[in-house]
mmCIF file of all heavy atoms, coordinates in Angstrom:
data_MODEL
# 
_entry.id   MODEL 
# 
loop_
_atom_site.group_PDB 
_atom_site.id 
_atom_site.type_symbol 
_atom_site.label_atom_id 
_atom_site.label_alt_id 
_atom_site.label_comp_id 
_atom_site.label_asym_id 
_atom_site.label_entity_id 
_atom_site.label_seq_id 
_atom_site.pdbx_PDB_ins_code 
_atom_site.Cartn_x 
_atom_site.Cartn_y 
_atom_site.Cartn_z 
_atom_site.occupancy 
_atom_site.B_iso_or_equiv 
_atom_site.pdbx_formal_charge 
_atom_site.auth_seq_id 
_atom_site.auth_comp_id 
_atom_site.auth_asym_id 
_atom_site.auth_atom_id 
_atom_site.pdbx_PDB_model_num 
ATOM 1   N N   . ALA A 1 1  ? 4.176   -26.739 21.082 1.00 0.00 ? 1  ALA A N   1 
ATOM 2   C CA  . ALA A 1 1  ? 4.496   -27.474 19.860 1.00 0.00 ? 1  ALA A CA  1 
ATOM 3   C C   . ALA A 1 1  ? 5.988   -27.810 19.797 1.00 0.00 ? 1  ALA A C   1 
ATOM 4   O O   . ALA A 1 1  ? 6.360   -28.907 19.368 1.00 0.00 ? 1  ALA A O   1 
ATOM 5   C CB  . ALA A 1 1  ? 4.080   -26.671 18.633 1.00 0.00 ? 1  ALA A CB  1 
ATOM 6   N N   . HIS A 1 2  ? 6.818   -26.893 20.264 1.00 0.00 ? 2  HIS A N   1 
ATOM 7   C CA  . HIS A 1 2  ? 8.264   -27.147 20.273 1.00 0.00 ? 2  HIS A CA  1 
ATOM 8   C C   . HIS A 1 2  ? 8.644   -28.237 21.273 1.00 0.00 ? 2  HIS A C   1 
ATOM 9   O O   . HIS A 1 2  ? 9.721   -28.821 21.168 1.00 0.00 ? 2  HIS A O   1 
ATOM 10  C CB  . HIS A 1 2  ? 9.039   -25.866 20.564 1.00 0.00 ? 2  HIS A CB  1 
ATOM 11  C CG  . HIS A 1 2  ? 9.061   -24.933 19.399 1.00 0.00 ? 2  HIS A CG  1 
ATOM 12  N ND1 . HIS A 1 2  ? 9.450   -23.629 19.504 1.00 0.00 ? 2  HIS A ND1 1 
ATOM 13  C CD2 . HIS A 1 2  ? 8.726   -25.102 18.095 1.00 0.00 ? 2  HIS A CD2 1 
ATOM 14  C CE1 . HIS A 1 2  ? 9.376   -23.036 18.321 1.00 0.00 ? 2  HIS A CE1 1 
ATOM 15  N NE2 . HIS A 1 2  ? 8.928   -23.922 17.458 1.00 0.00 ? 2  HIS A NE2 1 
ATOM 16  N N   . ARG A 1 3  ? 7.777   -28.473 22.243 1.00 0.00 ? 3  ARG A N   1 
ATOM 17  C CA  . ARG A 1 3  ? 7.993   -29.564 23.208 1.00 0.00 ? 3  ARG A CA  1 
ATOM 18  C C   . ARG A 1 3  ? 7.322   -30.846 22.743 1.00 0.00 ? 3  ARG A C   1 
ATOM 19  O O   . ARG A 1 3  ? 7.069   -31.745 23.530 1.00 0.00 ? 3  ARG A O   1 
ATOM 20  C CB  . ARG A 1 3  ? 7.450   -29.170 24.579 1.00 0.00 ? 3  ARG A CB  1 
ATOM 21  C CG  . ARG A 1 3  ? 8.167   -28.016 25.229 1.00 0.00 ? 3  ARG A CG  1 
ATOM 22  C CD  . ARG A 1 3  ? 9.468   -28.476 25.881 1.00 0.00 ? 3  ARG A CD  1 
ATOM 23  N NE  . ARG A 1 3  ? 10.194  -27.371 26.453 1.00 0.00 ? 3  ARG A NE  1 
ATOM 24  C CZ  . ARG A 1 3  ? 10.157  -27.024 27.735 1.00 0.00 ? 3  ARG A CZ  1 
ATOM 25  N NH1 . ARG A 1 3  ? 9.430   -27.716 28.582 1.00 0.00 ? 3  ARG A NH1 1 
ATOM 26  N NH2 . ARG A 1 3  ? 10.854  -25.994 28.161 1.00 0.00 ? 3  ARG A NH2 1 
ATOM 27  N N   . ASN A 1 4  ? 7.010   -30.899 21.450 1.00 0.00 ? 4  ASN A N   1 
ATOM 28  C CA  . ASN A 1 4  ? 6.420   -32.077 20.802 1.00 0.00 ? 4  ASN A CA  1 
ATOM 29  C C   . ASN A 1 4  ? 5.049   -32.459 21.339 1.00 0.00 ? 4  ASN A C   1 
ATOM 30  O O   . ASN A 1 4  ? 4.694   -33.638 21.325 1.00 0.00 ? 4  ASN A O   1 
ATOM 31  C CB  . ASN A 1 4  ? 7.384   -33.271 20.864 1.00 0.00 ? 4  ASN A CB  1 
ATOM 32  C CG  . ASN A 1 4  ? 8.646   -33.002 20.096 1.00 0.00 ? 4  ASN A CG  1 
ATOM 33  O OD1 . ASN A 1 4  ? 8.605   -32.418 19.021 1.00 0.00 ? 4  ASN A OD1 1 
ATOM 34  N ND2 . ASN A 1 4  ? 9.778   -33.406 20.648 1.00 0.00 ? 4  ASN A ND2 1 
ATOM 35  N N   . ARG A 1 5  ? 4.308   -31.482 21.818 1.00 0.00 ? 5  ARG A N   1 
ATOM 36  C CA  . ARG A 1 5  ? 2.925   -31.742 22.213 1.00 0.00 ? 5  ARG A CA  1 
ATOM 37  C C   . ARG A 1 5  ? 2.086   -31.733 20.941 1.00 0.00 ? 5  ARG A C   1 
ATOM 38  O O   . ARG A 1 5  ? 2.221   -30.845 20.104 1.00 0.00 ? 5  ARG A O   1 
ATOM 39  C CB  . ARG A 1 5  ? 2.412   -30.669 23.176 1.00 0.00 ? 5  ARG A CB  1 
ATOM 40  C CG  . ARG A 1 5  ? 3.274   -30.437 24.394 1.00 0.00 ? 5  ARG A CG  1 
ATOM 41  C CD  . ARG A 1 5  ? 3.098   -31.540 25.435 1.00 0.00 ? 5  ARG A CD  1 
ATOM 42  N NE  . ARG A 1 5  ? 4.134   -31.506 26.445 1.00 0.00 ? 5  ARG A NE  1 
ATOM 43  C CZ  . ARG A 1 5  ? 4.117   -30.791 27.552 1.00 0.00 ? 5  ARG A CZ  1 
ATOM 44  N NH1 . ARG A 1 5  ? 3.109   -30.001 27.802 1.00 0.00 ? 5  ARG A NH1 1 
ATOM 45  N NH2 . ARG A 1 5  ? 5.115   -30.867 28.414 1.00 0.00 ? 5  ARG A NH2 1 
ATOM 46  N N   . ARG A 1 6  ? 1.247   -32.731 20.808 1.00 0.00 ? 6  ARG A N   1 
ATOM 47  C CA  . ARG A 1 6  ? 0.376   -32.827 19.637 1.00 0.00 ? 6  ARG A CA  1 
ATOM 48  C C   . ARG A 1 6  ? -1.015  -32.392 20.060 1.00 0.00 ? 6  ARG A C   1 
ATOM 49  O O   . ARG A 1 6  ? -1.676  -33.085 20.837 1.00 0.00 ? 6  ARG A O   1 
ATOM 50  C CB  . ARG A 1 6  ? 0.367   -34.253 19.106 1.00 0.00 ? 6  ARG A CB  1 
ATOM 51  C CG  . ARG A 1 6  ? 1.707   -34.648 18.524 1.00 0.00 ? 6  ARG A CG  1 
ATOM 52  C CD  . ARG A 1 6  ? 1.686   -36.107 18.075 1.00 0.00 ? 6  ARG A CD  1 
ATOM 53  N NE  . ARG A 1 6  ? 3.034   -36.640 18.048 1.00 0.00 ? 6  ARG A NE  1 
ATOM 54  C CZ  . ARG A 1 6  ? 3.627   -37.280 19.053 1.00 0.00 ? 6  ARG A CZ  1 
ATOM 55  N NH1 . ARG A 1 6  ? 2.979   -37.481 20.180 1.00 0.00 ? 6  ARG A NH1 1 
ATOM 56  N NH2 . ARG A 1 6  ? 4.858   -37.718 18.943 1.00 0.00 ? 6  ARG A NH2 1 
ATOM 57  N N   . PHE A 1 7  ? -1.458  -31.272 19.534 1.00 0.00 ? 7  PHE A N   1 
ATOM 58  C CA  . PHE A 1 7  ? -2.746  -30.699 19.901 1.00 0.00 ? 7  PHE A CA  1 
ATOM 59  C C   . PHE A 1 7  ? -3.312  -29.956 18.704 1.00 0.00 ? 7  PHE A C   1 
ATOM 60  O O   . PHE A 1 7  ? -2.609  -29.720 17.730 1.00 0.00 ? 7  PHE A O   1 
ATOM 61  C CB  . PHE A 1 7  ? -2.594  -29.752 21.111 1.00 0.00 ? 7  PHE A CB  1 
ATOM 62  C CG  . PHE A 1 7  ? -1.670  -28.599 20.861 1.00 0.00 ? 7  PHE A CG  1 
ATOM 63  C CD1 . PHE A 1 7  ? -2.162  -27.361 20.473 1.00 0.00 ? 7  PHE A CD1 1 
ATOM 64  C CD2 . PHE A 1 7  ? -0.293  -28.743 21.010 1.00 0.00 ? 7  PHE A CD2 1 
ATOM 65  C CE1 . PHE A 1 7  ? -1.308  -26.298 20.235 1.00 0.00 ? 7  PHE A CE1 1 
ATOM 66  C CE2 . PHE A 1 7  ? 0.565   -27.687 20.777 1.00 0.00 ? 7  PHE A CE2 1 
ATOM 67  C CZ  . PHE A 1 7  ? 0.068   -26.459 20.391 1.00 0.00 ? 7  PHE A CZ  1 
ATOM 68  N N   . THR A 1 8  ? -4.578  -29.630 18.799 1.00 0.00 ? 8  THR A N   1 
ATOM 69  C CA  . THR A 1 8  ? -5.227  -28.870 17.731 1.00 0.00 ? 8  THR A CA  1 
ATOM 70  C C   . THR A 1 8  ? -5.863  -27.620 18.314 1.00 0.00 ? 8  THR A C   1 
ATOM 71  O O   . THR A 1 8  ? -6.185  -27.559 19.499 1.00 0.00 ? 8  THR A O   1 
ATOM 72  C CB  . THR A 1 8  ? -6.311  -29.703 17.019 1.00 0.00 ? 8  THR A CB  1 
ATOM 73  O OG1 . THR A 1 8  ? -7.273  -30.122 17.976 1.00 0.00 ? 8  THR A OG1 1 
ATOM 74  C CG2 . THR A 1 8  ? -5.718  -30.908 16.322 1.00 0.00 ? 8  THR A CG2 1 
ATOM 75  N N   . VAL A 1 9  ? -6.018  -26.633 17.458 1.00 0.00 ? 9  VAL A N   1 
ATOM 76  C CA  . VAL A 1 9  ? -6.564  -25.352 17.880 1.00 0.00 ? 9  VAL A CA  1 
ATOM 77  C C   . VAL A 1 9  ? -7.724  -24.964 16.979 1.00 0.00 ? 9  VAL A C   1 
ATOM 78  O O   . VAL A 1 9  ? -7.651  -25.096 15.759 1.00 0.00 ? 9  VAL A O   1 
ATOM 79  C CB  . VAL A 1 9  ? -5.475  -24.246 17.809 1.00 0.00 ? 9  VAL A CB  1 
ATOM 80  C CG1 . VAL A 1 9  ? -6.046  -22.894 18.204 1.00 0.00 ? 9  VAL A CG1 1 
ATOM 81  C CG2 . VAL A 1 9  ? -4.272  -24.602 18.682 1.00 0.00 ? 9  VAL A CG2 1 
ATOM 82  N N   . TYR A 1 10 ? -8.794  -24.514 17.603 1.00 0.00 ? 10 TYR A N   1 
ATOM 83  C CA  . TYR A 1 10 ? -9.868  -23.806 16.913 1.00 0.00 ? 10 TYR A CA  1 
ATOM 84  C C   . TYR A 1 10 ? -9.634  -22.339 17.223 1.00 0.00 ? 10 TYR A C   1 
ATOM 85  O O   . TYR A 1 10 ? -9.431  -21.974 18.379 1.00 0.00 ? 10 TYR A O   1 
ATOM 86  C CB  . TYR A 1 10 ? -11.247 -24.223 17.437 1.00 0.00 ? 10 TYR A CB  1 
ATOM 87  C CG  . TYR A 1 10 ? -11.618 -25.641 17.102 1.00 0.00 ? 10 TYR A CG  1 
ATOM 88  C CD1 . TYR A 1 10 ? -11.316 -26.675 17.973 1.00 0.00 ? 10 TYR A CD1 1 
ATOM 89  C CD2 . TYR A 1 10 ? -12.275 -25.940 15.917 1.00 0.00 ? 10 TYR A CD2 1 
ATOM 90  C CE1 . TYR A 1 10 ? -11.655 -27.980 17.677 1.00 0.00 ? 10 TYR A CE1 1 
ATOM 91  C CE2 . TYR A 1 10 ? -12.625 -27.250 15.616 1.00 0.00 ? 10 TYR A CE2 1 
ATOM 92  C CZ  . TYR A 1 10 ? -12.308 -28.263 16.500 1.00 0.00 ? 10 TYR A CZ  1 
ATOM 93  O OH  . TYR A 1 10 ? -12.639 -29.551 16.201 1.00 0.00 ? 10 TYR A OH  1 
ATOM 94  N N   . CYS A 1 11 ? -9.651  -21.522 16.220 1.00 0.00 ? 11 CYS A N   1 
ATOM 95  C CA  . CYS A 1 11 ? -9.366  -20.099 16.407 1.00 0.00 ? 11 CYS A CA  1 
ATOM 96  C C   . CYS A 1 11 ? -10.530 -19.273 15.874 1.00 0.00 ? 11 CYS A C   1 
ATOM 97  O O   . CYS A 1 11 ? -10.945 -19.467 14.733 1.00 0.00 ? 11 CYS A O   1 
ATOM 98  C CB  . CYS A 1 11 ? -8.077  -19.742 15.669 1.00 0.00 ? 11 CYS A CB  1 
ATOM 99  S SG  . CYS A 1 11 ? -7.503  -18.075 15.982 1.00 0.00 ? 11 CYS A SG  1 
ATOM 100 N N   . THR A 1 12 ? -11.059 -18.383 16.718 1.00 0.00 ? 12 THR A N   1 
ATOM 101 C CA  . THR A 1 12 ? -12.158 -17.535 16.250 1.00 0.00 ? 12 THR A CA  1 
ATOM 102 C C   . THR A 1 12 ? -11.632 -16.500 15.273 1.00 0.00 ? 12 THR A C   1 
ATOM 103 O O   . THR A 1 12 ? -10.525 -15.996 15.414 1.00 0.00 ? 12 THR A O   1 
ATOM 104 C CB  . THR A 1 12 ? -12.858 -16.820 17.416 1.00 0.00 ? 12 THR A CB  1 
ATOM 105 O OG1 . THR A 1 12 ? -11.930 -15.965 18.083 1.00 0.00 ? 12 THR A OG1 1 
ATOM 106 C CG2 . THR A 1 12 ? -13.470 -17.805 18.394 1.00 0.00 ? 12 THR A CG2 1 
ATOM 107 N N   . GLU A 1 13 ? -12.447 -16.194 14.312 1.00 0.00 ? 13 GLU A N   1 
ATOM 108 C CA  . GLU A 1 13 ? -12.072 -15.225 13.273 1.00 0.00 ? 13 GLU A CA  1 
ATOM 109 C C   . GLU A 1 13 ? -11.866 -13.823 13.855 1.00 0.00 ? 13 GLU A C   1 
ATOM 110 O O   . GLU A 1 13 ? -11.023 -13.070 13.415 1.00 0.00 ? 13 GLU A O   1 
ATOM 111 C CB  . GLU A 1 13 ? -13.167 -15.207 12.214 1.00 0.00 ? 13 GLU A CB  1 
ATOM 112 C CG  . GLU A 1 13 ? -12.799 -14.494 10.966 1.00 0.00 ? 13 GLU A CG  1 
ATOM 113 C CD  . GLU A 1 13 ? -13.876 -14.645 9.905  1.00 0.00 ? 13 GLU A CD  1 
ATOM 114 O OE1 . GLU A 1 13 ? -15.069 -14.707 10.245 1.00 0.00 ? 13 GLU A OE1 1 
ATOM 115 O OE2 . GLU A 1 13 ? -13.504 -14.696 8.731  1.00 0.00 ? 13 GLU A OE2 1 
ATOM 116 N N   . SER A 1 14 ? -12.662 -13.501 14.854 1.00 0.00 ? 14 SER A N   1 
ATOM 117 C CA  . SER A 1 14 ? -12.559 -12.232 15.587 1.00 0.00 ? 14 SER A CA  1 
ATOM 118 C C   . SER A 1 14 ? -12.869 -11.020 14.720 1.00 0.00 ? 14 SER A C   1 
ATOM 119 O O   . SER A 1 14 ? -12.046 -10.131 14.537 1.00 0.00 ? 14 SER A O   1 
ATOM 120 C CB  . SER A 1 14 ? -11.181 -12.094 16.238 1.00 0.00 ? 14 SER A CB  1 
ATOM 121 O OG  . SER A 1 14 ? -11.212 -11.060 17.189 1.00 0.00 ? 14 SER A OG  1 
ATOM 122 N N   . ARG A 1 15 ? -14.086 -11.003 14.262 1.00 0.00 ? 15 ARG A N   1 
ATOM 123 C CA  . ARG A 1 15 ? -14.554 -9.835  13.509 1.00 0.00 ? 15 ARG A CA  1 
ATOM 124 C C   . ARG A 1 15 ? -14.858 -8.696  14.448 1.00 0.00 ? 15 ARG A C   1 
ATOM 125 O O   . ARG A 1 15 ? -15.139 -8.945  15.604 1.00 0.00 ? 15 ARG A O   1 
ATOM 126 C CB  . ARG A 1 15 ? -15.791 -10.205 12.694 1.00 0.00 ? 15 ARG A CB  1 
ATOM 127 C CG  . ARG A 1 15 ? -15.408 -11.079 11.518 1.00 0.00 ? 15 ARG A CG  1 
ATOM 128 C CD  . ARG A 1 15 ? -16.595 -11.234 10.588 1.00 0.00 ? 15 ARG A CD  1 
ATOM 129 N NE  . ARG A 1 15 ? -16.203 -11.964 9.423  1.00 0.00 ? 15 ARG A NE  1 
ATOM 130 C CZ  . ARG A 1 15 ? -15.915 -11.407 8.249  1.00 0.00 ? 15 ARG A CZ  1 
ATOM 131 N NH1 . ARG A 1 15 ? -15.978 -10.105 8.115  1.00 0.00 ? 15 ARG A NH1 1 
ATOM 132 N NH2 . ARG A 1 15 ? -15.571 -12.125 7.232  1.00 0.00 ? 15 ARG A NH2 1 
ATOM 133 N N   . PRO A 1 16 ? -14.761 -7.464  14.079 1.00 0.00 ? 16 PRO A N   1 
ATOM 134 C CA  . PRO A 1 16 ? -14.564 -6.973  12.723 1.00 0.00 ? 16 PRO A CA  1 
ATOM 135 C C   . PRO A 1 16 ? -13.090 -6.852  12.323 1.00 0.00 ? 16 PRO A C   1 
ATOM 136 O O   . PRO A 1 16 ? -12.789 -6.641  11.164 1.00 0.00 ? 16 PRO A O   1 
ATOM 137 C CB  . PRO A 1 16 ? -15.224 -5.599  12.749 1.00 0.00 ? 16 PRO A CB  1 
ATOM 138 C CG  . PRO A 1 16 ? -15.029 -5.121  14.134 1.00 0.00 ? 16 PRO A CG  1 
ATOM 139 C CD  . PRO A 1 16 ? -15.101 -6.361  14.999 1.00 0.00 ? 16 PRO A CD  1 
ATOM 140 N N   . SER A 1 17 ? -12.165 -6.989  13.260 1.00 0.00 ? 17 SER A N   1 
ATOM 141 C CA  . SER A 1 17 ? -10.752 -6.799  12.918 1.00 0.00 ? 17 SER A CA  1 
ATOM 142 C C   . SER A 1 17 ? -10.163 -7.988  12.158 1.00 0.00 ? 17 SER A C   1 
ATOM 143 O O   . SER A 1 17 ? -9.158  -7.848  11.477 1.00 0.00 ? 17 SER A O   1 
ATOM 144 C CB  . SER A 1 17 ? -9.923  -6.572  14.188 1.00 0.00 ? 17 SER A CB  1 
ATOM 145 O OG  . SER A 1 17 ? -9.843  -7.769  14.951 1.00 0.00 ? 17 SER A OG  1 
ATOM 146 N N   . CYS A 1 18 ? -10.790 -9.158  12.308 1.00 0.00 ? 18 CYS A N   1 
ATOM 147 C CA  . CYS A 1 18 ? -10.306 -10.404 11.688 1.00 0.00 ? 18 CYS A CA  1 
ATOM 148 C C   . CYS A 1 18 ? -8.904  -10.776 12.156 1.00 0.00 ? 18 CYS A C   1 
ATOM 149 O O   . CYS A 1 18 ? -8.148  -11.426 11.435 1.00 0.00 ? 18 CYS A O   1 
ATOM 150 C CB  . CYS A 1 18 ? -10.384 -10.339 10.165 1.00 0.00 ? 18 CYS A CB  1 
ATOM 151 S SG  . CYS A 1 18 ? -12.081 -10.210 9.571  1.00 0.00 ? 18 CYS A SG  1 
ATOM 152 N N   . SER A 1 19 ? -8.558  -10.380 13.371 1.00 0.00 ? 19 SER A N   1 
ATOM 153 C CA  . SER A 1 19 ? -7.230  -10.692 13.902 1.00 0.00 ? 19 SER A CA  1 
ATOM 154 C C   . SER A 1 19 ? -7.047  -12.189 14.110 1.00 0.00 ? 19 SER A C   1 
ATOM 155 O O   . SER A 1 19 ? -5.920  -12.686 14.117 1.00 0.00 ? 19 SER A O   1 
ATOM 156 C CB  . SER A 1 19 ? -6.984  -9.930  15.205 1.00 0.00 ? 19 SER A CB  1 
ATOM 157 O OG  . SER A 1 19 ? -7.959  -10.259 16.168 1.00 0.00 ? 19 SER A OG  1 
ATOM 158 N N   . GLY A 1 20 ? -8.151  -12.921 14.256 1.00 0.00 ? 20 GLY A N   1 
ATOM 159 C CA  . GLY A 1 20 ? -8.052  -14.369 14.389 1.00 0.00 ? 20 GLY A CA  1 
ATOM 160 C C   . GLY A 1 20 ? -7.522  -15.037 13.131 1.00 0.00 ? 20 GLY A C   1 
ATOM 161 O O   . GLY A 1 20 ? -6.889  -16.087 13.198 1.00 0.00 ? 20 GLY A O   1 
ATOM 162 N N   . ARG A 1 21 ? -7.765  -14.419 11.993 1.00 0.00 ? 21 ARG A N   1 
ATOM 163 C CA  . ARG A 1 21 ? -7.214  -14.956 10.741 1.00 0.00 ? 21 ARG A CA  1 
ATOM 164 C C   . ARG A 1 21 ? -5.689  -14.944 10.779 1.00 0.00 ? 21 ARG A C   1 
ATOM 165 O O   . ARG A 1 21 ? -5.041  -15.900 10.358 1.00 0.00 ? 21 ARG A O   1 
ATOM 166 C CB  . ARG A 1 21 ? -7.700  -14.145 9.544  1.00 0.00 ? 21 ARG A CB  1 
ATOM 167 C CG  . ARG A 1 21 ? -9.143  -14.348 9.215  1.00 0.00 ? 21 ARG A CG  1 
ATOM 168 C CD  . ARG A 1 21 ? -9.518  -13.536 8.006  1.00 0.00 ? 21 ARG A CD  1 
ATOM 169 N NE  . ARG A 1 21 ? -10.949 -13.621 7.751  1.00 0.00 ? 21 ARG A NE  1 
ATOM 170 C CZ  . ARG A 1 21 ? -11.557 -12.981 6.796  1.00 0.00 ? 21 ARG A CZ  1 
ATOM 171 N NH1 . ARG A 1 21 ? -10.876 -12.201 5.976  1.00 0.00 ? 21 ARG A NH1 1 
ATOM 172 N NH2 . ARG A 1 21 ? -12.853 -13.100 6.628  1.00 0.00 ? 21 ARG A NH2 1 
ATOM 173 N N   . LYS A 1 22 ? -5.131  -13.860 11.288 1.00 0.00 ? 22 LYS A N   1 
ATOM 174 C CA  . LYS A 1 22 ? -3.674  -13.757 11.393 1.00 0.00 ? 22 LYS A CA  1 
ATOM 175 C C   . LYS A 1 22 ? -3.151  -14.781 12.408 1.00 0.00 ? 22 LYS A C   1 
ATOM 176 O O   . LYS A 1 22 ? -2.132  -15.422 12.192 1.00 0.00 ? 22 LYS A O   1 
ATOM 177 C CB  . LYS A 1 22 ? -3.260  -12.344 11.792 1.00 0.00 ? 22 LYS A CB  1 
ATOM 178 C CG  . LYS A 1 22 ? -1.762  -12.113 11.779 1.00 0.00 ? 22 LYS A CG  1 
ATOM 179 C CD  . LYS A 1 22 ? -1.440  -10.642 11.967 1.00 0.00 ? 22 LYS A CD  1 
ATOM 180 C CE  . LYS A 1 22 ? -0.017  -10.253 11.829 1.00 0.00 ? 22 LYS A CE  1 
ATOM 181 N NZ  . LYS A 1 22 ? 1.026   -11.164 11.917 1.00 0.00 ? 22 LYS A NZ  1 
ATOM 182 N N   . MET A 1 23 ? -3.877  -14.949 13.494 1.00 0.00 ? 23 MET A N   1 
ATOM 183 C CA  . MET A 1 23 ? -3.494  -15.938 14.504 1.00 0.00 ? 23 MET A CA  1 
ATOM 184 C C   . MET A 1 23 ? -3.481  -17.330 13.885 1.00 0.00 ? 23 MET A C   1 
ATOM 185 O O   . MET A 1 23 ? -2.528  -18.087 14.072 1.00 0.00 ? 23 MET A O   1 
ATOM 186 C CB  . MET A 1 23 ? -4.473  -15.870 15.681 1.00 0.00 ? 23 MET A CB  1 
ATOM 187 C CG  . MET A 1 23 ? -4.221  -16.881 16.769 1.00 0.00 ? 23 MET A CG  1 
ATOM 188 S SD  . MET A 1 23 ? -2.826  -16.414 17.774 1.00 0.00 ? 23 MET A SD  1 
ATOM 189 C CE  . MET A 1 23 ? -3.155  -17.398 19.225 1.00 0.00 ? 23 MET A CE  1 
ATOM 190 N N   . ALA A 1 24 ? -4.527  -17.663 13.130 1.00 0.00 ? 24 ALA A N   1 
ATOM 191 C CA  . ALA A 1 24 ? -4.596  -18.976 12.486 1.00 0.00 ? 24 ALA A CA  1 
ATOM 192 C C   . ALA A 1 24 ? -3.440  -19.166 11.509 1.00 0.00 ? 24 ALA A C   1 
ATOM 193 O O   . ALA A 1 24 ? -2.821  -20.231 11.464 1.00 0.00 ? 24 ALA A O   1 
ATOM 194 C CB  . ALA A 1 24 ? -5.938  -19.139 11.780 1.00 0.00 ? 24 ALA A CB  1 
# 
């Protein structure tokens, strides 16, 4: 992103820890 690349991310929620929420 800092190199001005335009992209999108799908991030899994990652249950049961829900660490994907923090990543998102």
